[in-house]
N, C-alpha and C. Protein backbone atom coordinates (compact mmCIF):
# COMPACT_ATOMS: atom_id res chain seq x y z
N MET A 1 0.85 -1.18 0.00
CA MET A 1 0.00 0.00 0.00
C MET A 1 0.89 1.24 0.00
N LYS A 2 0.70 2.11 -0.98
CA LYS A 2 1.42 3.37 -0.99
C LYS A 2 0.85 4.26 0.11
N GLU A 3 1.72 4.84 0.93
CA GLU A 3 1.24 5.72 1.98
C GLU A 3 1.74 7.13 1.72
N ASN A 4 0.83 8.06 1.70
CA ASN A 4 1.18 9.46 1.54
C ASN A 4 -0.02 10.29 1.92
N ASN A 5 0.00 10.83 3.11
CA ASN A 5 -1.11 11.62 3.60
C ASN A 5 -0.77 13.10 3.56
N ASP A 6 0.27 13.48 2.80
CA ASP A 6 0.72 14.87 2.78
C ASP A 6 -0.36 15.83 2.33
N LEU A 7 -1.18 15.44 1.39
CA LEU A 7 -2.23 16.33 0.89
C LEU A 7 -3.13 16.79 2.02
N PHE A 8 -3.56 15.87 2.87
CA PHE A 8 -4.46 16.20 3.97
C PHE A 8 -3.72 16.90 5.10
N ASN A 9 -2.59 16.36 5.52
CA ASN A 9 -1.87 16.89 6.67
C ASN A 9 -1.21 18.24 6.42
N ASN A 10 -0.77 18.48 5.21
CA ASN A 10 -0.04 19.72 4.90
C ASN A 10 -0.85 20.70 4.08
N PHE A 11 -2.16 20.57 4.10
CA PHE A 11 -3.03 21.40 3.28
C PHE A 11 -2.74 22.89 3.49
N GLY A 12 -2.57 23.33 4.73
CA GLY A 12 -2.38 24.75 5.03
C GLY A 12 -1.02 25.29 4.67
N HIS A 13 -0.10 24.43 4.25
CA HIS A 13 1.27 24.86 4.01
C HIS A 13 1.61 25.06 2.54
N PHE A 14 0.63 24.94 1.66
CA PHE A 14 0.90 25.11 0.24
C PHE A 14 1.26 26.55 -0.06
N ASN A 15 2.24 26.72 -0.90
CA ASN A 15 2.63 28.04 -1.37
C ASN A 15 1.53 28.54 -2.31
N ASP A 16 1.18 29.81 -2.20
CA ASP A 16 0.10 30.37 -3.02
C ASP A 16 0.45 30.44 -4.50
N LYS A 17 1.73 30.37 -4.82
CA LYS A 17 2.13 30.49 -6.21
C LYS A 17 1.55 29.35 -7.05
N GLY A 18 0.72 29.69 -7.99
CA GLY A 18 0.13 28.71 -8.88
C GLY A 18 -1.14 28.06 -8.39
N VAL A 19 -1.48 28.25 -7.10
CA VAL A 19 -2.70 27.63 -6.58
C VAL A 19 -3.91 28.35 -7.16
N MET A 20 -4.74 27.61 -7.86
CA MET A 20 -5.93 28.17 -8.49
C MET A 20 -7.17 27.91 -7.64
N LEU A 21 -7.14 26.82 -6.89
CA LEU A 21 -8.28 26.43 -6.08
C LEU A 21 -7.77 25.54 -4.96
N ALA A 22 -8.24 25.79 -3.74
CA ALA A 22 -7.89 24.93 -2.61
C ALA A 22 -9.07 24.92 -1.66
N PHE A 23 -9.49 23.73 -1.28
CA PHE A 23 -10.65 23.59 -0.38
C PHE A 23 -10.48 22.33 0.45
N ARG A 24 -10.91 22.43 1.71
CA ARG A 24 -10.92 21.28 2.61
C ARG A 24 -12.22 21.33 3.41
N GLY A 25 -13.02 20.28 3.31
CA GLY A 25 -14.28 20.22 4.05
C GLY A 25 -15.30 19.38 3.32
N ASP A 26 -16.56 19.55 3.73
CA ASP A 26 -17.66 18.82 3.11
C ASP A 26 -17.93 19.38 1.72
N ILE A 27 -18.19 18.50 0.77
CA ILE A 27 -18.52 18.91 -0.59
C ILE A 27 -20.03 18.72 -0.78
N SER A 28 -20.78 19.70 -0.36
CA SER A 28 -22.23 19.67 -0.57
C SER A 28 -22.50 20.12 -2.01
N SER A 29 -23.74 19.98 -2.46
CA SER A 29 -24.08 20.42 -3.82
C SER A 29 -23.83 21.91 -4.03
N PRO A 30 -24.27 22.80 -3.09
CA PRO A 30 -23.97 24.22 -3.28
C PRO A 30 -22.46 24.50 -3.27
N MET A 31 -21.71 23.79 -2.43
CA MET A 31 -20.26 23.98 -2.38
C MET A 31 -19.63 23.53 -3.68
N LEU A 32 -20.08 22.41 -4.22
CA LEU A 32 -19.57 21.91 -5.49
C LEU A 32 -19.78 22.96 -6.58
N ASP A 33 -20.98 23.52 -6.64
CA ASP A 33 -21.27 24.56 -7.64
C ASP A 33 -20.35 25.76 -7.47
N GLY A 34 -20.14 26.18 -6.23
CA GLY A 34 -19.28 27.33 -5.95
C GLY A 34 -17.83 27.07 -6.34
N LEU A 35 -17.34 25.90 -6.01
CA LEU A 35 -15.96 25.55 -6.36
C LEU A 35 -15.77 25.50 -7.87
N LEU A 36 -16.76 24.98 -8.57
CA LEU A 36 -16.66 24.93 -10.03
C LEU A 36 -16.70 26.33 -10.64
N ASP A 37 -17.51 27.22 -10.08
CA ASP A 37 -17.53 28.61 -10.57
C ASP A 37 -16.17 29.27 -10.40
N VAL A 38 -15.56 29.10 -9.22
CA VAL A 38 -14.25 29.68 -8.96
C VAL A 38 -13.21 29.10 -9.91
N ALA A 39 -13.23 27.79 -10.07
CA ALA A 39 -12.26 27.12 -10.94
C ALA A 39 -12.38 27.60 -12.39
N GLU A 40 -13.60 27.72 -12.85
CA GLU A 40 -13.82 28.16 -14.23
C GLU A 40 -13.25 29.57 -14.45
N ARG A 41 -13.51 30.45 -13.49
CA ARG A 41 -12.97 31.82 -13.60
C ARG A 41 -11.45 31.82 -13.56
N LYS A 42 -10.88 31.04 -12.64
CA LYS A 42 -9.42 31.00 -12.52
C LYS A 42 -8.77 30.44 -13.78
N LEU A 43 -9.33 29.39 -14.33
CA LEU A 43 -8.78 28.81 -15.56
C LEU A 43 -8.80 29.83 -16.70
N THR A 44 -9.86 30.61 -16.77
CA THR A 44 -9.96 31.64 -17.81
C THR A 44 -8.98 32.77 -17.54
N LEU A 45 -8.92 33.26 -16.30
CA LEU A 45 -8.02 34.36 -15.95
C LEU A 45 -6.55 34.01 -16.13
N MET A 46 -6.21 32.75 -15.89
CA MET A 46 -4.81 32.33 -15.99
C MET A 46 -4.38 32.20 -17.45
N GLY A 47 -5.34 32.30 -18.37
CA GLY A 47 -5.01 32.25 -19.79
C GLY A 47 -4.64 30.87 -20.29
N CYS A 48 -5.18 29.85 -19.67
CA CYS A 48 -4.91 28.48 -20.12
C CYS A 48 -5.44 28.30 -21.53
N ALA A 49 -4.74 27.48 -22.30
CA ALA A 49 -5.20 27.15 -23.65
C ALA A 49 -6.60 26.54 -23.55
N THR A 50 -7.44 26.80 -24.52
CA THR A 50 -8.83 26.35 -24.48
C THR A 50 -8.96 24.86 -24.23
N GLY A 51 -8.19 24.05 -24.94
CA GLY A 51 -8.27 22.60 -24.77
C GLY A 51 -7.89 22.17 -23.36
N THR A 52 -6.81 22.74 -22.84
CA THR A 52 -6.37 22.41 -21.48
C THR A 52 -7.41 22.86 -20.47
N ARG A 53 -7.95 24.05 -20.67
CA ARG A 53 -8.97 24.59 -19.75
C ARG A 53 -10.20 23.67 -19.72
N LYS A 54 -10.66 23.25 -20.87
CA LYS A 54 -11.85 22.39 -20.93
C LYS A 54 -11.58 21.03 -20.29
N ARG A 55 -10.42 20.44 -20.59
CA ARG A 55 -10.09 19.14 -20.00
C ARG A 55 -9.94 19.24 -18.49
N ALA A 56 -9.26 20.29 -18.02
CA ALA A 56 -9.06 20.48 -16.58
C ALA A 56 -10.40 20.67 -15.88
N PHE A 57 -11.28 21.44 -16.45
CA PHE A 57 -12.59 21.67 -15.83
C PHE A 57 -13.38 20.37 -15.78
N HIS A 58 -13.39 19.63 -16.87
CA HIS A 58 -14.13 18.36 -16.92
C HIS A 58 -13.59 17.38 -15.87
N ILE A 59 -12.28 17.29 -15.76
CA ILE A 59 -11.66 16.40 -14.78
C ILE A 59 -11.96 16.86 -13.37
N LEU A 60 -11.94 18.17 -13.14
CA LEU A 60 -12.27 18.70 -11.81
C LEU A 60 -13.70 18.34 -11.44
N VAL A 61 -14.63 18.44 -12.37
CA VAL A 61 -16.02 18.05 -12.11
C VAL A 61 -16.07 16.59 -11.65
N GLU A 62 -15.42 15.70 -12.37
CA GLU A 62 -15.40 14.28 -12.00
C GLU A 62 -14.80 14.07 -10.62
N CYS A 63 -13.68 14.75 -10.36
CA CYS A 63 -13.00 14.60 -9.06
C CYS A 63 -13.88 15.10 -7.91
N LEU A 64 -14.53 16.24 -8.08
CA LEU A 64 -15.39 16.78 -7.03
C LEU A 64 -16.62 15.88 -6.81
N GLN A 65 -17.15 15.34 -7.89
CA GLN A 65 -18.28 14.42 -7.73
C GLN A 65 -17.85 13.16 -6.98
N ASN A 66 -16.64 12.68 -7.25
CA ASN A 66 -16.12 11.54 -6.49
C ASN A 66 -16.02 11.87 -5.01
N LEU A 67 -15.52 13.06 -4.69
CA LEU A 67 -15.43 13.47 -3.28
C LEU A 67 -16.81 13.53 -2.65
N GLN A 68 -17.73 14.09 -3.38
CA GLN A 68 -19.09 14.26 -2.85
C GLN A 68 -19.77 12.91 -2.62
N LYS A 69 -19.60 11.98 -3.54
CA LYS A 69 -20.32 10.71 -3.47
C LYS A 69 -19.64 9.65 -2.62
N HIS A 70 -18.31 9.69 -2.53
CA HIS A 70 -17.60 8.54 -1.97
C HIS A 70 -16.83 8.80 -0.68
N SER A 71 -16.85 10.01 -0.15
CA SER A 71 -16.14 10.27 1.10
C SER A 71 -16.88 9.63 2.27
N THR A 72 -16.13 9.12 3.22
CA THR A 72 -16.74 8.47 4.37
C THR A 72 -16.37 9.19 5.67
N ALA A 73 -16.68 10.45 5.75
CA ALA A 73 -16.46 11.19 7.00
C ALA A 73 -17.41 10.65 8.05
N LYS A 74 -16.92 10.56 9.27
CA LYS A 74 -17.78 10.11 10.37
C LYS A 74 -18.65 11.26 10.83
N LYS A 75 -19.77 10.93 11.45
CA LYS A 75 -20.75 11.94 11.86
C LYS A 75 -20.17 13.00 12.80
N ASP A 76 -19.22 12.61 13.67
CA ASP A 76 -18.69 13.54 14.66
C ASP A 76 -17.42 14.25 14.23
N GLU A 77 -17.06 14.17 12.95
CA GLU A 77 -15.86 14.85 12.48
C GLU A 77 -16.21 15.74 11.28
N PRO A 78 -15.41 16.79 11.09
CA PRO A 78 -15.67 17.64 9.93
C PRO A 78 -15.38 16.88 8.65
N GLY A 79 -15.91 17.38 7.56
CA GLY A 79 -15.67 16.74 6.26
C GLY A 79 -14.19 16.64 5.99
N ASN A 80 -13.79 15.56 5.37
CA ASN A 80 -12.36 15.38 5.13
C ASN A 80 -12.00 15.44 3.65
N GLY A 81 -12.88 15.95 2.83
CA GLY A 81 -12.57 16.11 1.41
C GLY A 81 -11.57 17.23 1.21
N VAL A 82 -10.59 16.99 0.35
CA VAL A 82 -9.57 17.98 0.04
C VAL A 82 -9.44 18.05 -1.48
N VAL A 83 -9.38 19.27 -2.01
CA VAL A 83 -9.12 19.44 -3.44
C VAL A 83 -8.19 20.63 -3.62
N ILE A 84 -7.22 20.45 -4.49
CA ILE A 84 -6.28 21.52 -4.83
C ILE A 84 -6.06 21.46 -6.34
N MET A 85 -6.14 22.62 -6.97
CA MET A 85 -5.84 22.73 -8.40
C MET A 85 -4.72 23.76 -8.54
N VAL A 86 -3.63 23.34 -9.16
CA VAL A 86 -2.44 24.17 -9.25
C VAL A 86 -2.00 24.29 -10.71
N SER A 87 -1.60 25.49 -11.07
CA SER A 87 -1.01 25.71 -12.39
C SER A 87 0.49 25.50 -12.28
N THR A 88 1.03 24.63 -13.14
CA THR A 88 2.47 24.36 -13.16
C THR A 88 2.99 24.62 -14.57
N PRO A 89 4.29 24.70 -14.75
CA PRO A 89 4.82 24.88 -16.11
C PRO A 89 4.41 23.75 -17.06
N GLU A 90 4.13 22.56 -16.51
CA GLU A 90 3.74 21.42 -17.35
C GLU A 90 2.25 21.36 -17.63
N GLY A 91 1.45 22.20 -16.96
CA GLY A 91 0.00 22.17 -17.14
C GLY A 91 -0.71 22.39 -15.83
N ILE A 92 -1.89 21.83 -15.71
CA ILE A 92 -2.71 21.95 -14.51
C ILE A 92 -2.62 20.63 -13.75
N ARG A 93 -2.44 20.71 -12.45
CA ARG A 93 -2.43 19.51 -11.61
C ARG A 93 -3.61 19.61 -10.66
N ILE A 94 -4.41 18.54 -10.63
CA ILE A 94 -5.57 18.47 -9.73
C ILE A 94 -5.32 17.32 -8.76
N ALA A 95 -5.40 17.64 -7.47
CA ALA A 95 -5.19 16.63 -6.44
C ALA A 95 -6.40 16.64 -5.51
N THR A 96 -6.87 15.46 -5.17
CA THR A 96 -7.98 15.34 -4.24
C THR A 96 -7.63 14.29 -3.19
N GLY A 97 -8.35 14.35 -2.09
CA GLY A 97 -8.17 13.35 -1.05
C GLY A 97 -9.44 13.19 -0.25
N ASN A 98 -9.71 11.98 0.20
CA ASN A 98 -10.88 11.72 1.03
C ASN A 98 -10.76 10.36 1.70
N ALA A 99 -11.53 10.19 2.77
CA ALA A 99 -11.57 8.92 3.48
C ALA A 99 -12.40 7.93 2.67
N VAL A 100 -11.91 6.70 2.61
CA VAL A 100 -12.65 5.62 1.94
C VAL A 100 -12.62 4.39 2.85
N PRO A 101 -13.61 3.52 2.74
CA PRO A 101 -13.59 2.29 3.53
C PRO A 101 -12.39 1.41 3.14
N LYS A 102 -11.76 0.79 4.13
CA LYS A 102 -10.60 -0.07 3.85
C LYS A 102 -10.92 -1.19 2.88
N ASP A 103 -12.13 -1.69 2.93
CA ASP A 103 -12.46 -2.86 2.11
C ASP A 103 -12.50 -2.57 0.61
N ILE A 104 -12.55 -1.31 0.19
CA ILE A 104 -12.54 -1.02 -1.25
C ILE A 104 -11.14 -0.82 -1.80
N TYR A 105 -10.14 -0.78 -0.90
CA TYR A 105 -8.76 -0.54 -1.32
C TYR A 105 -8.29 -1.46 -2.45
N PRO A 106 -8.42 -2.79 -2.32
CA PRO A 106 -7.90 -3.65 -3.40
C PRO A 106 -8.57 -3.38 -4.75
N GLU A 107 -9.88 -3.21 -4.73
CA GLU A 107 -10.60 -2.98 -5.99
C GLU A 107 -10.24 -1.63 -6.60
N LEU A 108 -10.16 -0.60 -5.78
CA LEU A 108 -9.83 0.74 -6.27
C LEU A 108 -8.41 0.78 -6.83
N GLN A 109 -7.48 0.19 -6.10
CA GLN A 109 -6.10 0.14 -6.56
C GLN A 109 -6.00 -0.62 -7.89
N SER A 110 -6.66 -1.75 -7.97
CA SER A 110 -6.64 -2.57 -9.18
C SER A 110 -7.23 -1.81 -10.36
N ARG A 111 -8.34 -1.11 -10.12
CA ARG A 111 -9.02 -0.38 -11.20
C ARG A 111 -8.13 0.72 -11.77
N ILE A 112 -7.50 1.49 -10.89
CA ILE A 112 -6.65 2.59 -11.36
C ILE A 112 -5.42 2.03 -12.07
N ASP A 113 -4.81 0.98 -11.51
CA ASP A 113 -3.64 0.38 -12.17
C ASP A 113 -4.02 -0.16 -13.55
N GLN A 114 -5.21 -0.76 -13.66
CA GLN A 114 -5.67 -1.28 -14.95
C GLN A 114 -5.81 -0.14 -15.96
N LEU A 115 -6.40 0.97 -15.55
CA LEU A 115 -6.55 2.11 -16.45
C LEU A 115 -5.20 2.69 -16.86
N ASN A 116 -4.27 2.74 -15.92
CA ASN A 116 -2.93 3.26 -16.23
C ASN A 116 -2.21 2.40 -17.25
N ASP A 117 -2.52 1.11 -17.29
CA ASP A 117 -1.87 0.19 -18.22
C ASP A 117 -2.46 0.23 -19.63
N LEU A 118 -3.63 0.85 -19.80
CA LEU A 118 -4.29 0.87 -21.10
C LEU A 118 -3.75 1.96 -22.01
N GLU A 119 -3.66 1.65 -23.28
CA GLU A 119 -3.33 2.63 -24.30
C GLU A 119 -4.56 3.51 -24.53
N PRO A 120 -4.39 4.72 -25.08
CA PRO A 120 -5.53 5.63 -25.29
C PRO A 120 -6.72 5.00 -26.02
N GLU A 121 -6.48 4.22 -27.07
CA GLU A 121 -7.59 3.60 -27.79
C GLU A 121 -8.34 2.59 -26.93
N LYS A 122 -7.61 1.88 -26.09
CA LYS A 122 -8.25 0.90 -25.19
C LYS A 122 -9.05 1.61 -24.11
N ARG A 123 -8.57 2.79 -23.66
CA ARG A 123 -9.33 3.58 -22.69
C ARG A 123 -10.66 4.02 -23.30
N LYS A 124 -10.59 4.42 -24.57
CA LYS A 124 -11.81 4.84 -25.26
C LYS A 124 -12.79 3.69 -25.37
N LYS A 125 -12.30 2.51 -25.72
CA LYS A 125 -13.17 1.33 -25.82
C LYS A 125 -13.74 0.97 -24.45
N GLU A 126 -12.93 1.04 -23.42
CA GLU A 126 -13.37 0.76 -22.05
C GLU A 126 -14.52 1.70 -21.66
N TYR A 127 -14.38 2.97 -22.03
CA TYR A 127 -15.41 3.98 -21.74
C TYR A 127 -16.71 3.63 -22.47
N GLN A 128 -16.60 3.31 -23.75
CA GLN A 128 -17.78 2.97 -24.53
C GLN A 128 -18.46 1.70 -24.01
N ASP A 129 -17.65 0.70 -23.65
CA ASP A 129 -18.21 -0.53 -23.09
C ASP A 129 -18.94 -0.25 -21.78
N GLN A 130 -18.37 0.60 -20.95
CA GLN A 130 -18.99 0.92 -19.66
C GLN A 130 -20.30 1.70 -19.88
N LEU A 131 -20.33 2.56 -20.88
CA LEU A 131 -21.56 3.28 -21.20
C LEU A 131 -22.69 2.32 -21.55
N VAL A 132 -22.38 1.31 -22.33
CA VAL A 132 -23.38 0.36 -22.80
C VAL A 132 -23.72 -0.68 -21.74
N ASN A 133 -22.70 -1.21 -21.07
CA ASN A 133 -22.91 -2.36 -20.19
C ASN A 133 -22.80 -2.06 -18.70
N GLY A 134 -22.41 -0.83 -18.35
CA GLY A 134 -22.19 -0.51 -16.95
C GLY A 134 -23.47 -0.52 -16.13
N LYS A 135 -23.30 -0.82 -14.86
CA LYS A 135 -24.42 -0.81 -13.93
C LYS A 135 -24.32 0.42 -13.04
N ILE A 136 -25.46 0.97 -12.67
CA ILE A 136 -25.49 2.12 -11.77
C ILE A 136 -25.24 1.63 -10.35
N SER A 137 -24.30 2.28 -9.67
CA SER A 137 -23.95 1.87 -8.31
C SER A 137 -24.97 2.42 -7.31
N ASP A 138 -24.80 2.04 -6.04
CA ASP A 138 -25.68 2.51 -4.97
C ASP A 138 -25.64 4.03 -4.82
N VAL A 139 -24.52 4.65 -5.17
CA VAL A 139 -24.40 6.11 -5.03
C VAL A 139 -24.68 6.84 -6.34
N GLY A 140 -25.15 6.11 -7.35
CA GLY A 140 -25.59 6.75 -8.58
C GLY A 140 -24.54 6.86 -9.66
N GLY A 141 -23.37 6.27 -9.46
CA GLY A 141 -22.32 6.33 -10.46
C GLY A 141 -22.42 5.16 -11.43
N ALA A 142 -21.87 5.36 -12.62
CA ALA A 142 -21.89 4.29 -13.62
C ALA A 142 -20.49 3.74 -13.86
N GLY A 143 -19.52 4.13 -13.02
CA GLY A 143 -18.16 3.62 -13.18
C GLY A 143 -17.38 4.29 -14.28
N LEU A 144 -17.83 5.45 -14.70
CA LEU A 144 -17.18 6.14 -15.82
C LEU A 144 -16.14 7.17 -15.39
N GLY A 145 -16.19 7.59 -14.13
CA GLY A 145 -15.37 8.71 -13.67
C GLY A 145 -13.88 8.55 -13.91
N PHE A 146 -13.28 7.48 -13.36
CA PHE A 146 -11.84 7.29 -13.52
C PHE A 146 -11.47 7.04 -14.98
N ILE A 147 -12.33 6.33 -15.71
CA ILE A 147 -12.05 6.08 -17.13
C ILE A 147 -12.00 7.42 -17.87
N ASP A 148 -12.98 8.27 -17.60
CA ASP A 148 -13.05 9.57 -18.27
C ASP A 148 -11.87 10.45 -17.89
N ILE A 149 -11.49 10.43 -16.63
CA ILE A 149 -10.33 11.22 -16.18
C ILE A 149 -9.08 10.74 -16.90
N ALA A 150 -8.89 9.44 -16.98
CA ALA A 150 -7.72 8.88 -17.67
C ALA A 150 -7.73 9.28 -19.15
N ARG A 151 -8.90 9.21 -19.77
CA ARG A 151 -9.02 9.57 -21.19
C ARG A 151 -8.70 11.05 -21.41
N LYS A 152 -9.33 11.90 -20.60
CA LYS A 152 -9.18 13.35 -20.80
C LYS A 152 -7.78 13.85 -20.47
N SER A 153 -7.16 13.27 -19.45
CA SER A 153 -5.83 13.76 -19.06
C SER A 153 -4.75 13.25 -20.00
N GLY A 154 -4.90 12.01 -20.47
CA GLY A 154 -3.87 11.42 -21.30
C GLY A 154 -2.61 11.08 -20.50
N ASN A 155 -2.69 11.19 -19.19
CA ASN A 155 -1.54 10.94 -18.32
C ASN A 155 -1.87 9.84 -17.32
N GLU A 156 -0.83 9.33 -16.67
CA GLU A 156 -1.02 8.32 -15.63
C GLU A 156 -1.78 8.94 -14.45
N LEU A 157 -2.67 8.16 -13.88
CA LEU A 157 -3.40 8.56 -12.69
C LEU A 157 -2.54 8.18 -11.49
N GLU A 158 -2.22 9.15 -10.65
CA GLU A 158 -1.39 8.89 -9.47
C GLU A 158 -2.29 8.78 -8.25
N TYR A 159 -1.90 7.92 -7.32
CA TYR A 159 -2.73 7.74 -6.13
C TYR A 159 -1.90 7.17 -4.98
N SER A 160 -2.42 7.31 -3.80
CA SER A 160 -1.83 6.67 -2.62
C SER A 160 -2.93 6.47 -1.58
N PHE A 161 -2.67 5.58 -0.65
CA PHE A 161 -3.59 5.31 0.46
C PHE A 161 -2.80 5.39 1.77
N SER A 162 -3.39 6.00 2.79
CA SER A 162 -2.78 6.06 4.11
C SER A 162 -3.82 5.67 5.15
N PRO A 163 -3.42 4.87 6.14
CA PRO A 163 -4.37 4.47 7.18
C PRO A 163 -4.88 5.68 7.97
N MET A 164 -6.17 5.68 8.28
CA MET A 164 -6.77 6.72 9.12
C MET A 164 -7.19 6.14 10.47
N ASP A 165 -7.90 5.03 10.40
CA ASP A 165 -8.36 4.34 11.60
C ASP A 165 -8.60 2.88 11.22
N GLU A 166 -9.27 2.14 12.07
CA GLU A 166 -9.49 0.70 11.82
C GLU A 166 -10.33 0.41 10.58
N GLU A 167 -11.18 1.36 10.21
CA GLU A 167 -12.13 1.11 9.13
C GLU A 167 -11.85 1.85 7.83
N ARG A 168 -11.00 2.88 7.89
CA ARG A 168 -10.85 3.77 6.73
C ARG A 168 -9.40 4.04 6.37
N LEU A 169 -9.23 4.39 5.08
CA LEU A 169 -7.97 4.85 4.54
C LEU A 169 -8.19 6.24 3.97
N PHE A 170 -7.12 7.04 3.94
CA PHE A 170 -7.20 8.32 3.24
C PHE A 170 -6.65 8.10 1.84
N PHE A 171 -7.49 8.35 0.84
CA PHE A 171 -7.17 8.14 -0.56
C PHE A 171 -6.78 9.46 -1.19
N CYS A 172 -5.53 9.55 -1.66
CA CYS A 172 -5.04 10.74 -2.37
C CYS A 172 -5.01 10.41 -3.87
N PHE A 173 -5.55 11.29 -4.67
CA PHE A 173 -5.65 11.09 -6.11
C PHE A 173 -5.09 12.33 -6.79
N ASN A 174 -4.25 12.12 -7.79
CA ASN A 174 -3.55 13.23 -8.41
C ASN A 174 -3.50 13.01 -9.92
N VAL A 175 -3.85 14.04 -10.67
CA VAL A 175 -3.83 13.92 -12.13
C VAL A 175 -3.27 15.20 -12.75
N LYS A 176 -2.47 15.03 -13.79
CA LYS A 176 -1.91 16.15 -14.52
C LYS A 176 -2.67 16.33 -15.82
N VAL A 177 -3.01 17.56 -16.12
CA VAL A 177 -3.71 17.89 -17.35
C VAL A 177 -2.80 18.80 -18.16
N SER A 178 -2.43 18.35 -19.36
CA SER A 178 -1.53 19.17 -20.18
C SER A 178 -2.09 19.36 -21.56
């Protein structure tokens, strides 16, 4: 298991240079809308190329929806969703983090590794197959999010897991958009 909880633990220590969006807490529907409005404005103001801006925004939508649907914050603790979008010389980097149940670790790790191993054409076929044959999950997803992120970014999906307690891991997810 890759362990790296730096995103959550060091959230307040990020240098402002290049940070386009940073948020830590519950991702409610109104908060999701607000974060997307801010991100869209920042992407436009930073003068990102149209293609990069569109891909970054689309990926951010998927990442925020994942935080909203799949975070497992306990009732007595504040929301543990984290999202940071940074402009770098290589493009836009989007990093998210949230608590997930330990029992999904093997499946989640396997799924991301499988997507990282696919060539672009195979990712496209995987997406089309999931559209046709995918089942809607208990939280309303069709399993398209990570496939779409991999397709749109064209880069490897980076991730790590760190223990939080007996039942949960902190899942850090990082993608570069160029």
